[in-house]
Amino acid sequence: MAERLDCPWCMAWHREIGPGYPLSDEGRLAPLRRVDLDKAWPAGLPKAGGVIYTPTFLLVACGREIGRITGYPGAGFFYPKLDHLLEQLGQAKNPDGSCS
């Protein structure tokens, strides 16, 4: 999750989705890693080009970006979009779940 401390939409996500996210099936498949866009990009995380708006949720696997969700207009939008990305995650990996 690319975010900024003063982002009201990020705060809304943390309030509405954040507490239950680690307990959800989606949260177990795609654990949340928070990245502050006002600080240096973390080593070991592929640099995501074109991240302007916060929050931006990046799904990363096998050292590359699988897809992203830009913005957070509410809980009814977030999980269906994330589920679509997670379907793509399954297609990006080998049948045994490994990376090639």
Protein backbone atom coordinates (compact mmCIF):
# COMPACT_ATOMS: atom_id res chain seq x y z
CA MET A 1 0.00 0.00 0.00
CA ALA A 2 1.57 3.24 -1.17
CA GLU A 3 0.29 5.97 1.10
CA ARG A 4 0.96 9.35 2.67
CA LEU A 5 0.38 10.23 6.30
CA ASP A 6 -2.00 13.09 5.46
CA CYS A 7 -4.10 11.10 2.96
CA PRO A 8 -7.76 11.04 4.08
CA TRP A 9 -8.55 8.07 1.80
CA CYS A 10 -5.67 6.11 3.34
CA MET A 11 -7.04 6.88 6.80
CA ALA A 12 -10.49 5.71 5.69
CA TRP A 13 -9.01 2.42 4.40
CA HIS A 14 -7.18 1.86 7.68
CA ARG A 15 -10.36 2.57 9.63
CA GLU A 16 -12.80 0.55 7.46
CA ILE A 17 -10.70 -2.32 6.06
CA GLY A 18 -7.42 -2.31 7.96
CA PRO A 19 -8.47 -4.03 11.21
CA GLY A 20 -9.98 -7.06 9.47
CA TYR A 21 -7.67 -7.26 6.48
CA PRO A 22 -4.96 -9.51 8.04
CA LEU A 23 -7.69 -11.94 9.12
CA SER A 24 -9.32 -12.16 5.68
CA ASP A 25 -8.53 -14.76 3.02
CA GLU A 26 -7.27 -11.92 0.84
CA GLY A 27 -5.05 -10.59 3.61
CA ARG A 28 -3.47 -14.01 4.10
CA LEU A 29 -2.79 -14.33 0.34
CA ALA A 30 -1.54 -10.76 -0.04
CA PRO A 31 -0.19 -9.44 3.27
CA LEU A 32 -0.14 -5.66 3.49
CA ARG A 33 3.16 -3.82 3.30
CA ARG A 34 2.89 -0.09 3.81
CA VAL A 35 5.14 2.31 1.87
CA ASP A 36 5.20 6.04 2.63
CA LEU A 37 5.57 7.86 -0.69
CA ASP A 38 7.28 10.75 1.08
CA LYS A 39 10.18 8.48 2.09
CA ALA A 40 12.70 6.38 0.18
CA TRP A 41 11.30 3.34 -1.63
CA PRO A 42 12.13 0.17 0.36
CA ALA A 43 15.01 -1.97 -0.85
CA GLY A 44 13.89 -5.35 -2.15
CA LEU A 45 10.51 -4.07 -3.34
CA PRO A 46 10.21 -3.59 -7.11
CA LYS A 47 9.92 0.12 -7.88
CA ALA A 48 6.38 0.94 -8.91
CA GLY A 49 6.26 3.54 -11.64
CA GLY A 50 3.49 6.04 -11.96
CA VAL A 51 2.25 5.96 -8.36
CA ILE A 52 0.78 9.43 -7.91
CA TYR A 53 -2.46 8.96 -6.00
CA THR A 54 -2.83 7.53 -2.54
CA PRO A 55 -3.67 5.01 -1.57
CA THR A 56 -2.39 2.79 -4.34
CA PHE A 57 -2.47 -0.93 -3.63
CA LEU A 58 0.18 -2.87 -5.57
CA LEU A 59 0.06 -6.62 -5.86
CA VAL A 60 3.64 -7.83 -6.23
CA ALA A 61 4.78 -11.42 -6.76
CA CYS A 62 7.86 -13.08 -8.15
CA GLY A 63 9.68 -9.74 -8.14
CA ARG A 64 7.21 -7.93 -10.38
CA GLU A 65 3.97 -6.01 -10.22
CA ILE A 66 0.90 -8.12 -11.03
CA GLY A 67 -1.56 -5.25 -10.83
CA ARG A 68 -2.79 -2.33 -8.77
CA ILE A 69 -5.80 -0.62 -7.30
CA THR A 70 -5.57 3.17 -7.40
CA GLY A 71 -7.63 4.99 -4.80
CA TYR A 72 -10.12 3.89 -2.18
CA PRO A 73 -13.75 4.93 -2.70
CA GLY A 74 -15.11 2.49 -0.11
CA ALA A 75 -15.27 -1.06 1.19
CA GLY A 76 -17.76 -2.17 -1.45
CA PHE A 77 -15.19 -1.37 -4.15
CA PHE A 78 -12.02 -2.64 -2.51
CA TYR A 79 -12.57 -6.38 -2.05
CA PRO A 80 -14.06 -7.08 -5.52
CA LYS A 81 -11.12 -5.26 -7.15
CA LEU A 82 -8.64 -7.10 -4.94
CA ASP A 83 -10.25 -10.45 -5.73
CA HIS A 84 -9.81 -9.70 -9.44
CA LEU A 85 -6.10 -8.98 -8.86
CA LEU A 86 -5.70 -12.17 -6.84
CA GLU A 87 -7.08 -14.16 -9.78
CA GLN A 88 -4.27 -12.68 -11.86
CA LEU A 89 -1.80 -13.66 -9.16
CA GLY A 90 -2.74 -17.31 -9.64
CA GLN A 91 -2.03 -16.98 -13.35
CA ALA A 92 1.36 -15.33 -12.73
CA LYS A 93 2.78 -18.25 -10.73
CA ASN A 94 3.63 -21.83 -11.62
CA PRO A 95 1.01 -24.49 -10.80
CA ASP A 96 2.93 -25.38 -7.62
CA GLY A 97 2.83 -21.74 -6.47
CA SER A 98 6.50 -21.09 -7.19
CA CYS A 99 7.98 -18.35 -9.34
CA SER A 100 9.81 -19.06 -12.56
